[in-house]
Amino acid sequence: MSAILLGLGVYVLVGFTFRGLPKGRLDRPLRRRFLAPLGLVAGFLDATGGGGWGPVGTPALLASGRMEPRKVIGSTDTSEFLVAVAAGLGFLFSLGSQGIDVMWVAAFLLGSAVGGVIVVTNARTLLTSDVLYVALYALWAAALAYSVRAHLKERNATVAESAEERQPVGT
């Protein structure tokens, strides 16, 4: 990924340094034979390497010389948002077919884990004492343990209820 981005960066740097903005080509529509492979490669790199849509798409569109830089950045950011939504929905829909308990995923996505990460990462800039920071980590760990314990208790109660419902009456 770094090699690809280095190559694109050098190409854009050299192109804009020695040639400047292309004259007369701005705002001409981009061709599908350029956009389709770009979308395929950038999407593939984004899915496999965790980054690629913005870092690959932006310099490639800039290098095409057919869009102003502000439009390139706006278009890439908008499409990156749509790609992230599509990837997230694909992930959520595929969970059921993989034997993963969706309740666990929901508990960690919406629960103490995410809140704790946000609190801990942002508190680092506000707290001056390492002792307070360690105490914050301990509090977060306690909240996570409580959440997991509560989830397991609820799941066991649900399993016990369904087992009782399956028992024939009078036994």
N, C-alpha and C. Protein backbone atom coordinates (compact mmCIF):
# COMPACT_ATOMS: atom_id res chain seq x y z
N MET A 1 0.83 -1.19 0.00
CA MET A 1 0.00 0.00 0.00
C MET A 1 0.87 1.25 0.00
N SER A 2 1.92 1.22 0.79
CA SER A 2 2.82 2.38 0.85
C SER A 2 3.49 2.62 -0.50
N ALA A 3 3.86 1.55 -1.18
CA ALA A 3 4.51 1.70 -2.49
C ALA A 3 3.56 2.30 -3.51
N ILE A 4 2.31 1.87 -3.48
CA ILE A 4 1.32 2.42 -4.41
C ILE A 4 1.11 3.91 -4.14
N LEU A 5 0.95 4.24 -2.86
CA LEU A 5 0.74 5.65 -2.51
C LEU A 5 1.97 6.50 -2.80
N LEU A 6 3.16 5.94 -2.59
CA LEU A 6 4.38 6.67 -2.92
C LEU A 6 4.42 6.96 -4.41
N GLY A 7 4.12 5.98 -5.23
CA GLY A 7 4.12 6.17 -6.68
C GLY A 7 3.10 7.22 -7.11
N LEU A 8 1.88 7.15 -6.55
CA LEU A 8 0.86 8.14 -6.90
C LEU A 8 1.27 9.53 -6.44
N GLY A 9 1.86 9.61 -5.25
CA GLY A 9 2.30 10.90 -4.74
C GLY A 9 3.37 11.53 -5.60
N VAL A 10 4.33 10.73 -6.02
CA VAL A 10 5.41 11.24 -6.90
C VAL A 10 4.83 11.69 -8.22
N TYR A 11 3.90 10.91 -8.78
CA TYR A 11 3.28 11.26 -10.06
C TYR A 11 2.55 12.60 -9.96
N VAL A 12 1.76 12.77 -8.90
CA VAL A 12 1.02 14.02 -8.73
C VAL A 12 1.98 15.17 -8.48
N LEU A 13 2.98 14.96 -7.62
CA LEU A 13 3.95 16.00 -7.31
C LEU A 13 4.69 16.47 -8.56
N VAL A 14 5.20 15.53 -9.33
CA VAL A 14 5.95 15.88 -10.54
C VAL A 14 5.03 16.55 -11.56
N GLY A 15 3.83 15.97 -11.73
CA GLY A 15 2.90 16.53 -12.71
C GLY A 15 2.50 17.95 -12.40
N PHE A 16 2.14 18.23 -11.16
CA PHE A 16 1.70 19.57 -10.81
C PHE A 16 2.87 20.53 -10.64
N THR A 17 4.04 20.03 -10.30
CA THR A 17 5.20 20.91 -10.15
C THR A 17 5.68 21.41 -11.50
N PHE A 18 5.79 20.53 -12.46
CA PHE A 18 6.37 20.92 -13.74
C PHE A 18 5.33 21.38 -14.76
N ARG A 19 4.09 20.92 -14.62
CA ARG A 19 3.08 21.30 -15.61
C ARG A 19 2.01 22.22 -15.05
N GLY A 20 1.84 22.26 -13.73
CA GLY A 20 0.78 23.06 -13.13
C GLY A 20 -0.57 22.42 -13.40
N LEU A 21 -1.63 23.19 -13.18
CA LEU A 21 -2.96 22.70 -13.48
C LEU A 21 -3.15 22.58 -14.98
N PRO A 22 -3.72 21.48 -15.44
CA PRO A 22 -3.96 21.34 -16.88
C PRO A 22 -4.94 22.40 -17.37
N LYS A 23 -4.64 23.02 -18.46
CA LYS A 23 -5.49 24.07 -19.01
C LYS A 23 -6.51 23.46 -19.97
N GLY A 24 -7.74 23.92 -19.84
CA GLY A 24 -8.77 23.50 -20.80
C GLY A 24 -9.36 22.12 -20.55
N ARG A 25 -8.86 21.39 -19.57
CA ARG A 25 -9.38 20.04 -19.34
C ARG A 25 -10.28 19.98 -18.11
N LEU A 26 -10.23 21.02 -17.29
CA LEU A 26 -11.03 21.02 -16.07
C LEU A 26 -12.52 20.97 -16.40
N ASP A 27 -13.24 20.27 -15.56
CA ASP A 27 -14.69 20.12 -15.65
C ASP A 27 -15.14 19.33 -16.88
N ARG A 28 -14.23 18.68 -17.57
CA ARG A 28 -14.67 17.73 -18.60
C ARG A 28 -14.96 16.42 -17.90
N PRO A 29 -15.98 15.71 -18.32
CA PRO A 29 -16.36 14.48 -17.60
C PRO A 29 -15.26 13.42 -17.67
N LEU A 30 -15.15 12.69 -16.57
CA LEU A 30 -14.20 11.58 -16.53
C LEU A 30 -14.81 10.39 -17.25
N ARG A 31 -13.98 9.64 -17.92
CA ARG A 31 -14.46 8.49 -18.69
C ARG A 31 -14.64 7.27 -17.80
N ARG A 32 -15.57 6.43 -18.18
CA ARG A 32 -15.82 5.19 -17.44
C ARG A 32 -14.62 4.27 -17.50
N ARG A 33 -13.90 4.29 -18.60
CA ARG A 33 -12.73 3.40 -18.70
C ARG A 33 -11.62 3.81 -17.75
N PHE A 34 -11.69 5.02 -17.21
CA PHE A 34 -10.78 5.47 -16.16
C PHE A 34 -11.38 5.20 -14.78
N LEU A 35 -12.66 5.53 -14.60
CA LEU A 35 -13.29 5.42 -13.29
C LEU A 35 -13.52 3.98 -12.84
N ALA A 36 -13.88 3.09 -13.76
CA ALA A 36 -14.17 1.70 -13.37
C ALA A 36 -12.93 1.01 -12.79
N PRO A 37 -11.79 1.04 -13.49
CA PRO A 37 -10.60 0.42 -12.88
C PRO A 37 -10.15 1.12 -11.60
N LEU A 38 -10.28 2.45 -11.57
CA LEU A 38 -9.91 3.19 -10.36
C LEU A 38 -10.77 2.74 -9.18
N GLY A 39 -12.07 2.65 -9.38
CA GLY A 39 -12.97 2.20 -8.32
C GLY A 39 -12.68 0.77 -7.89
N LEU A 40 -12.38 -0.08 -8.86
CA LEU A 40 -12.08 -1.48 -8.55
C LEU A 40 -10.79 -1.60 -7.73
N VAL A 41 -9.74 -0.94 -8.17
CA VAL A 41 -8.46 -1.02 -7.46
C VAL A 41 -8.55 -0.35 -6.09
N ALA A 42 -9.12 0.85 -6.04
CA ALA A 42 -9.22 1.56 -4.76
C ALA A 42 -10.12 0.81 -3.79
N GLY A 43 -11.22 0.25 -4.28
CA GLY A 43 -12.12 -0.53 -3.43
C GLY A 43 -11.45 -1.80 -2.92
N PHE A 44 -10.71 -2.48 -3.80
CA PHE A 44 -9.99 -3.69 -3.40
C PHE A 44 -8.95 -3.38 -2.33
N LEU A 45 -8.18 -2.32 -2.54
CA LEU A 45 -7.16 -1.95 -1.56
C LEU A 45 -7.79 -1.50 -0.25
N ASP A 46 -8.94 -0.85 -0.33
CA ASP A 46 -9.63 -0.42 0.88
C ASP A 46 -10.13 -1.63 1.67
N ALA A 47 -10.64 -2.64 0.97
CA ALA A 47 -11.18 -3.82 1.64
C ALA A 47 -10.09 -4.73 2.17
N THR A 48 -8.99 -4.86 1.47
CA THR A 48 -7.95 -5.80 1.90
C THR A 48 -6.90 -5.17 2.80
N GLY A 49 -6.63 -3.91 2.60
CA GLY A 49 -5.55 -3.28 3.37
C GLY A 49 -6.03 -2.31 4.42
N GLY A 50 -7.33 -2.08 4.48
CA GLY A 50 -7.85 -1.17 5.48
C GLY A 50 -7.74 0.30 5.10
N GLY A 51 -7.27 0.58 3.95
CA GLY A 51 -7.18 1.97 3.49
C GLY A 51 -6.82 1.98 2.04
N GLY A 52 -7.47 2.79 1.29
CA GLY A 52 -7.16 2.82 -0.12
C GLY A 52 -8.12 3.67 -0.91
N TRP A 53 -9.36 3.74 -0.45
CA TRP A 53 -10.33 4.48 -1.25
C TRP A 53 -9.92 5.95 -1.36
N GLY A 54 -9.75 6.61 -0.24
CA GLY A 54 -9.35 8.02 -0.27
C GLY A 54 -7.91 8.22 -0.73
N PRO A 55 -6.96 7.48 -0.12
CA PRO A 55 -5.56 7.69 -0.50
C PRO A 55 -5.23 7.33 -1.94
N VAL A 56 -5.94 6.38 -2.53
CA VAL A 56 -5.68 6.02 -3.92
C VAL A 56 -6.54 6.85 -4.87
N GLY A 57 -7.80 7.04 -4.50
CA GLY A 57 -8.72 7.77 -5.37
C GLY A 57 -8.37 9.23 -5.54
N THR A 58 -8.00 9.87 -4.46
CA THR A 58 -7.72 11.31 -4.51
C THR A 58 -6.55 11.65 -5.44
N PRO A 59 -5.37 11.02 -5.28
CA PRO A 59 -4.29 11.39 -6.21
C PRO A 59 -4.57 10.97 -7.65
N ALA A 60 -5.27 9.86 -7.83
CA ALA A 60 -5.57 9.43 -9.20
C ALA A 60 -6.50 10.43 -9.89
N LEU A 61 -7.51 10.90 -9.15
CA LEU A 61 -8.41 11.90 -9.74
C LEU A 61 -7.69 13.24 -9.95
N LEU A 62 -6.81 13.60 -9.03
CA LEU A 62 -6.03 14.82 -9.22
C LEU A 62 -5.13 14.71 -10.45
N ALA A 63 -4.52 13.55 -10.60
CA ALA A 63 -3.60 13.35 -11.73
C ALA A 63 -4.33 13.35 -13.07
N SER A 64 -5.62 13.05 -13.06
CA SER A 64 -6.37 13.05 -14.33
C SER A 64 -6.45 14.46 -14.90
N GLY A 65 -6.39 15.47 -14.02
CA GLY A 65 -6.41 16.85 -14.47
C GLY A 65 -7.77 17.32 -14.94
N ARG A 66 -8.81 16.60 -14.64
CA ARG A 66 -10.14 16.97 -15.13
C ARG A 66 -11.05 17.55 -14.05
N MET A 67 -10.54 17.63 -12.83
CA MET A 67 -11.34 18.18 -11.74
C MET A 67 -10.48 19.11 -10.90
N GLU A 68 -11.11 20.13 -10.35
CA GLU A 68 -10.41 21.01 -9.43
C GLU A 68 -10.12 20.22 -8.15
N PRO A 69 -9.03 20.54 -7.46
CA PRO A 69 -8.69 19.82 -6.24
C PRO A 69 -9.81 19.82 -5.20
N ARG A 70 -10.52 20.93 -5.05
CA ARG A 70 -11.61 20.96 -4.06
C ARG A 70 -12.73 20.00 -4.43
N LYS A 71 -13.00 19.84 -5.71
CA LYS A 71 -14.04 18.91 -6.15
C LYS A 71 -13.57 17.46 -6.00
N VAL A 72 -12.29 17.24 -6.23
CA VAL A 72 -11.73 15.89 -6.05
C VAL A 72 -11.88 15.46 -4.60
N ILE A 73 -11.50 16.34 -3.68
CA ILE A 73 -11.55 16.00 -2.26
C ILE A 73 -13.00 15.81 -1.81
N GLY A 74 -13.90 16.68 -2.22
CA GLY A 74 -15.31 16.54 -1.86
C GLY A 74 -15.92 15.27 -2.42
N SER A 75 -15.62 14.96 -3.68
CA SER A 75 -16.16 13.75 -4.29
C SER A 75 -15.62 12.49 -3.63
N THR A 76 -14.33 12.49 -3.33
CA THR A 76 -13.72 11.33 -2.69
C THR A 76 -14.26 11.13 -1.29
N ASP A 77 -14.40 12.21 -0.52
CA ASP A 77 -14.94 12.08 0.83
C ASP A 77 -16.37 11.57 0.83
N THR A 78 -17.18 12.08 -0.09
CA THR A 78 -18.57 11.63 -0.17
C THR A 78 -18.64 10.16 -0.56
N SER A 79 -17.86 9.77 -1.55
CA SER A 79 -17.89 8.37 -1.97
C SER A 79 -17.30 7.46 -0.89
N GLU A 80 -16.32 7.96 -0.15
CA GLU A 80 -15.73 7.16 0.94
C GLU A 80 -16.77 6.90 2.02
N PHE A 81 -17.61 7.87 2.30
CA PHE A 81 -18.69 7.68 3.27
C PHE A 81 -19.65 6.60 2.78
N LEU A 82 -20.02 6.66 1.50
CA LEU A 82 -20.94 5.66 0.96
C LEU A 82 -20.31 4.26 0.96
N VAL A 83 -19.03 4.18 0.68
CA VAL A 83 -18.33 2.89 0.72
C VAL A 83 -18.31 2.35 2.15
N ALA A 84 -18.07 3.21 3.12
CA ALA A 84 -18.06 2.77 4.52
C ALA A 84 -19.43 2.27 4.96
N VAL A 85 -20.49 2.95 4.54
CA VAL A 85 -21.85 2.50 4.88
C VAL A 85 -22.13 1.14 4.23
N ALA A 86 -21.77 1.00 2.96
CA ALA A 86 -22.00 -0.27 2.27
C ALA A 86 -21.20 -1.40 2.91
N ALA A 87 -19.95 -1.14 3.27
CA ALA A 87 -19.12 -2.17 3.91
C ALA A 87 -19.69 -2.55 5.27
N GLY A 88 -20.14 -1.56 6.03
CA GLY A 88 -20.73 -1.84 7.34
C GLY A 88 -22.00 -2.67 7.22
N LEU A 89 -22.86 -2.32 6.27
CA LEU A 89 -24.09 -3.10 6.07
C LEU A 89 -23.77 -4.52 5.61
N GLY A 90 -22.80 -4.66 4.72
CA GLY A 90 -22.40 -6.00 4.29
C GLY A 90 -21.88 -6.83 5.44
N PHE A 91 -21.10 -6.22 6.31
CA PHE A 91 -20.59 -6.91 7.50
C PHE A 91 -21.73 -7.35 8.40
N LEU A 92 -22.66 -6.44 8.68
CA LEU A 92 -23.77 -6.77 9.57
C LEU A 92 -24.66 -7.87 9.00
N PHE A 93 -24.94 -7.82 7.69
CA PHE A 93 -25.80 -8.84 7.09
C PHE A 93 -25.11 -10.21 7.02
N SER A 94 -23.80 -10.22 6.94
CA SER A 94 -23.09 -11.50 6.84
C SER A 94 -22.83 -12.15 8.19
N LEU A 95 -23.06 -11.44 9.29
CA LEU A 95 -22.80 -12.00 10.61
C LEU A 95 -23.61 -13.26 10.88
N GLY A 96 -24.89 -13.24 10.52
CA GLY A 96 -25.75 -14.37 10.80
C GLY A 96 -25.30 -15.65 10.12
N SER A 97 -24.75 -15.54 8.93
CA SER A 97 -24.34 -16.74 8.20
C SER A 97 -23.01 -17.30 8.70
N GLN A 98 -22.31 -16.57 9.57
CA GLN A 98 -21.02 -17.01 10.06
C GLN A 98 -21.08 -17.63 11.45
N GLY A 99 -22.28 -17.78 12.00
CA GLY A 99 -22.42 -18.38 13.31
C GLY A 99 -21.99 -17.47 14.45
N ILE A 100 -21.99 -16.18 14.21
CA ILE A 100 -21.60 -15.22 15.24
C ILE A 100 -22.86 -14.72 15.93
N ASP A 101 -22.86 -14.71 17.24
CA ASP A 101 -24.00 -14.23 18.01
C ASP A 101 -24.11 -12.72 17.85
N VAL A 102 -25.17 -12.29 17.18
CA VAL A 102 -25.36 -10.87 16.89
C VAL A 102 -25.51 -10.07 18.19
N MET A 103 -26.00 -10.69 19.23
CA MET A 103 -26.13 -10.00 20.50
C MET A 103 -24.77 -9.57 21.05
N TRP A 104 -23.76 -10.41 20.88
CA TRP A 104 -22.41 -10.05 21.32
C TRP A 104 -21.90 -8.85 20.54
N VAL A 105 -22.13 -8.89 19.25
CA VAL A 105 -21.66 -7.78 18.42
C VAL A 105 -22.36 -6.49 18.84
N ALA A 106 -23.68 -6.55 19.04
CA ALA A 106 -24.42 -5.36 19.45
C ALA A 106 -23.96 -4.87 20.81
N ALA A 107 -23.69 -5.82 21.71
CA ALA A 107 -23.24 -5.42 23.05
C ALA A 107 -21.92 -4.67 22.99
N PHE A 108 -21.01 -5.13 22.14
CA PHE A 108 -19.72 -4.45 22.07
C PHE A 108 -19.76 -3.20 21.22
N LEU A 109 -20.61 -3.20 20.19
CA LEU A 109 -20.69 -2.00 19.37
C LEU A 109 -21.35 -0.85 20.11
N LEU A 110 -22.39 -1.17 20.87
CA LEU A 110 -23.17 -0.10 21.50
C LEU A 110 -22.87 0.06 22.98
N GLY A 111 -22.06 -0.78 23.52
CA GLY A 111 -21.92 -0.82 24.96
C GLY A 111 -20.67 -0.19 25.51
N SER A 112 -20.25 -0.79 26.58
CA SER A 112 -19.15 -0.25 27.37
C SER A 112 -17.84 -0.19 26.62
N ALA A 113 -17.62 -1.09 25.69
CA ALA A 113 -16.34 -1.12 24.99
C ALA A 113 -16.10 0.16 24.20
N VAL A 114 -17.06 0.55 23.39
CA VAL A 114 -16.89 1.73 22.56
C VAL A 114 -16.84 2.99 23.43
N GLY A 115 -17.73 3.06 24.39
CA GLY A 115 -17.72 4.22 25.29
C GLY A 115 -16.41 4.34 26.03
N GLY A 116 -15.88 3.21 26.48
CA GLY A 116 -14.61 3.22 27.19
C GLY A 116 -13.46 3.67 26.32
N VAL A 117 -13.43 3.20 25.08
CA VAL A 117 -12.36 3.61 24.17
C VAL A 117 -12.41 5.12 23.96
N ILE A 118 -13.59 5.65 23.77
CA ILE A 118 -13.73 7.09 23.54
C ILE A 118 -13.28 7.87 24.77
N VAL A 119 -13.72 7.43 25.94
CA VAL A 119 -13.36 8.14 27.17
C VAL A 119 -11.85 8.08 27.41
N VAL A 120 -11.28 6.88 27.29
CA VAL A 120 -9.86 6.71 27.60
C VAL A 120 -8.97 7.49 26.63
N THR A 121 -9.29 7.43 25.35
CA THR A 121 -8.43 8.12 24.38
C THR A 121 -8.51 9.64 24.51
N ASN A 122 -9.69 10.14 24.85
CA ASN A 122 -9.82 11.59 24.97
C ASN A 122 -9.41 12.11 26.33
N ALA A 123 -9.49 11.28 27.36
CA ALA A 123 -9.10 11.71 28.70
C ALA A 123 -7.59 11.88 28.81
N ARG A 124 -6.84 11.23 27.95
CA ARG A 124 -5.38 11.32 28.02
C ARG A 124 -4.90 12.76 27.87
N THR A 125 -5.59 13.53 27.05
CA THR A 125 -5.18 14.92 26.86
C THR A 125 -5.61 15.81 28.02
N LEU A 126 -6.62 15.38 28.78
CA LEU A 126 -7.13 16.20 29.87
C LEU A 126 -6.52 15.86 31.23
N LEU A 127 -6.16 14.59 31.42
CA LEU A 127 -5.62 14.17 32.71
C LEU A 127 -4.11 14.37 32.75
N THR A 128 -3.64 14.95 33.84
CA THR A 128 -2.20 15.18 33.97
C THR A 128 -1.54 14.09 34.80
N SER A 129 -2.33 13.36 35.56
CA SER A 129 -1.77 12.35 36.45
C SER A 129 -1.93 10.95 35.84
N ASP A 130 -0.84 10.20 35.84
CA ASP A 130 -0.91 8.82 35.36
C ASP A 130 -1.75 7.94 36.28
N VAL A 131 -1.80 8.30 37.56
CA VAL A 131 -2.60 7.53 38.52
C VAL A 131 -4.08 7.64 38.16
N LEU A 132 -4.53 8.84 37.81
CA LEU A 132 -5.91 9.01 37.39
C LEU A 132 -6.20 8.25 36.10
N TYR A 133 -5.23 8.24 35.21
CA TYR A 133 -5.40 7.53 33.95
C TYR A 133 -5.51 6.03 34.18
N VAL A 134 -4.70 5.48 35.07
CA VAL A 134 -4.78 4.05 35.41
C VAL A 134 -6.12 3.76 36.08
N ALA A 135 -6.57 4.65 36.94
CA ALA A 135 -7.87 4.47 37.59
C ALA A 135 -9.00 4.48 36.56
N LEU A 136 -8.87 5.31 35.56
CA LEU A 136 -9.87 5.35 34.48
C LEU A 136 -9.90 4.03 33.72
N TYR A 137 -8.72 3.47 33.45
CA TYR A 137 -8.65 2.15 32.80
C TYR A 137 -9.32 1.08 33.67
N ALA A 138 -9.07 1.13 34.97
CA ALA A 138 -9.68 0.16 35.89
C ALA A 138 -11.19 0.29 35.90
N LEU A 139 -11.67 1.52 35.89
CA LEU A 139 -13.11 1.75 35.84
C LEU A 139 -13.71 1.21 34.55
N TRP A 140 -13.02 1.42 33.45
CA TRP A 140 -13.48 0.92 32.17
C TRP A 140 -13.50 -0.61 32.17
N ALA A 141 -12.47 -1.24 32.70
CA ALA A 141 -12.44 -2.70 32.78
C ALA A 141 -13.59 -3.23 33.63
N ALA A 142 -13.89 -2.54 34.72
CA ALA A 142 -15.01 -2.95 35.57
C ALA A 142 -16.33 -2.82 34.82
N ALA A 143 -16.49 -1.75 34.06
CA ALA A 143 -17.72 -1.57 33.28
C ALA A 143 -17.86 -2.66 32.22
N LEU A 144 -16.74 -3.01 31.57
CA LEU A 144 -16.78 -4.09 30.58
C LEU A 144 -17.14 -5.42 31.23
N ALA A 145 -16.53 -5.72 32.37
CA ALA A 145 -16.83 -6.97 33.07
C ALA A 145 -18.29 -7.03 33.48
N TYR A 146 -18.80 -5.93 33.98
CA TYR A 146 -20.22 -5.86 34.37
C TYR A 146 -21.11 -6.11 33.15
N SER A 147 -20.80 -5.49 32.02
CA SER A 147 -21.61 -5.65 30.81
C SER A 147 -21.61 -7.09 30.33
N VAL A 148 -20.44 -7.72 30.32
CA VAL A 148 -20.35 -9.11 29.88
C VAL A 148 -21.11 -10.01 30.84
N ARG A 149 -20.95 -9.80 32.13
CA ARG A 149 -21.65 -10.61 33.13
C ARG A 149 -23.17 -10.45 32.98
N ALA A 150 -23.65 -9.23 32.79
CA ALA A 150 -25.08 -8.99 32.62
C ALA A 150 -25.60 -9.65 31.35
N HIS A 151 -24.82 -9.60 30.28
CA HIS A 151 -25.23 -10.24 29.03
C HIS A 151 -25.32 -11.76 29.20
N LEU A 152 -24.33 -12.36 29.85
CA LEU A 152 -24.35 -13.80 30.07
C LEU A 152 -25.52 -14.22 30.94
N LYS A 153 -25.82 -13.43 31.96
CA LYS A 153 -26.94 -13.72 32.85
C LYS A 153 -28.25 -13.68 32.07
N GLU A 154 -28.40 -12.66 31.22
CA GLU A 154 -29.62 -12.53 30.41
C GLU A 154 -29.74 -13.67 29.41
N ARG A 155 -28.63 -14.04 28.80
CA ARG A 155 -28.65 -15.14 27.83
C ARG A 155 -28.99 -16.46 28.50
N ASN A 156 -28.43 -16.72 29.68
CA ASN A 156 -28.72 -17.96 30.41
C ASN A 156 -30.18 -18.01 30.82
N ALA A 157 -30.75 -16.87 31.22
CA ALA A 157 -32.16 -16.82 31.57
C ALA A 157 -33.03 -17.12 30.36
N THR A 158 -32.65 -16.62 29.20
CA THR A 158 -33.42 -16.87 27.97
C THR A 158 -33.34 -18.34 27.59
N VAL A 159 -32.17 -18.95 27.72
CA VAL A 159 -31.99 -20.37 27.42
C VAL A 159 -32.82 -21.22 28.37
N ALA A 160 -32.84 -20.86 29.66
CA ALA A 160 -33.61 -21.61 30.64
C ALA A 160 -35.10 -21.49 30.36
N GLU A 161 -35.57 -20.31 29.97
CA GLU A 161 -36.99 -20.13 29.64
C GLU A 161 -37.39 -20.97 28.44
N SER A 162 -36.55 -20.99 27.41
CA SER A 162 -36.89 -21.77 26.22
C SER A 162 -36.85 -23.26 26.52
N ALA A 163 -35.98 -23.70 27.44
CA ALA A 163 -35.93 -25.11 27.82
C ALA A 163 -37.18 -25.48 28.59
N GLU A 164 -37.68 -24.58 29.44
CA GLU A 164 -38.90 -24.85 30.18
C GLU A 164 -40.10 -24.92 29.26
N GLU A 165 -40.11 -24.09 28.23
CA GLU A 165 -41.24 -24.09 27.29
C GLU A 165 -41.28 -25.39 26.48
N ARG A 166 -40.14 -26.01 26.26
CA ARG A 166 -40.11 -27.25 25.49
C ARG A 166 -40.50 -28.46 26.32
N GLN A 167 -40.51 -28.33 27.64
CA GLN A 167 -40.86 -29.46 28.53
C GLN A 167 -42.35 -29.73 28.40
N PRO A 168 -42.74 -31.02 28.27
CA PRO A 168 -44.17 -31.33 28.23
C PRO A 168 -44.83 -31.01 29.58
N VAL A 169 -46.11 -30.64 29.52
CA VAL A 169 -46.85 -30.29 30.74
C VAL A 169 -47.03 -31.50 31.60
N GLY A 170 -46.83 -31.38 32.92
CA GLY A 170 -47.04 -32.47 33.86
C GLY A 170 -45.81 -33.31 34.13
N THR A 171 -44.64 -32.94 33.65
CA THR A 171 -43.43 -33.71 33.96
C THR A 171 -42.58 -33.02 34.95
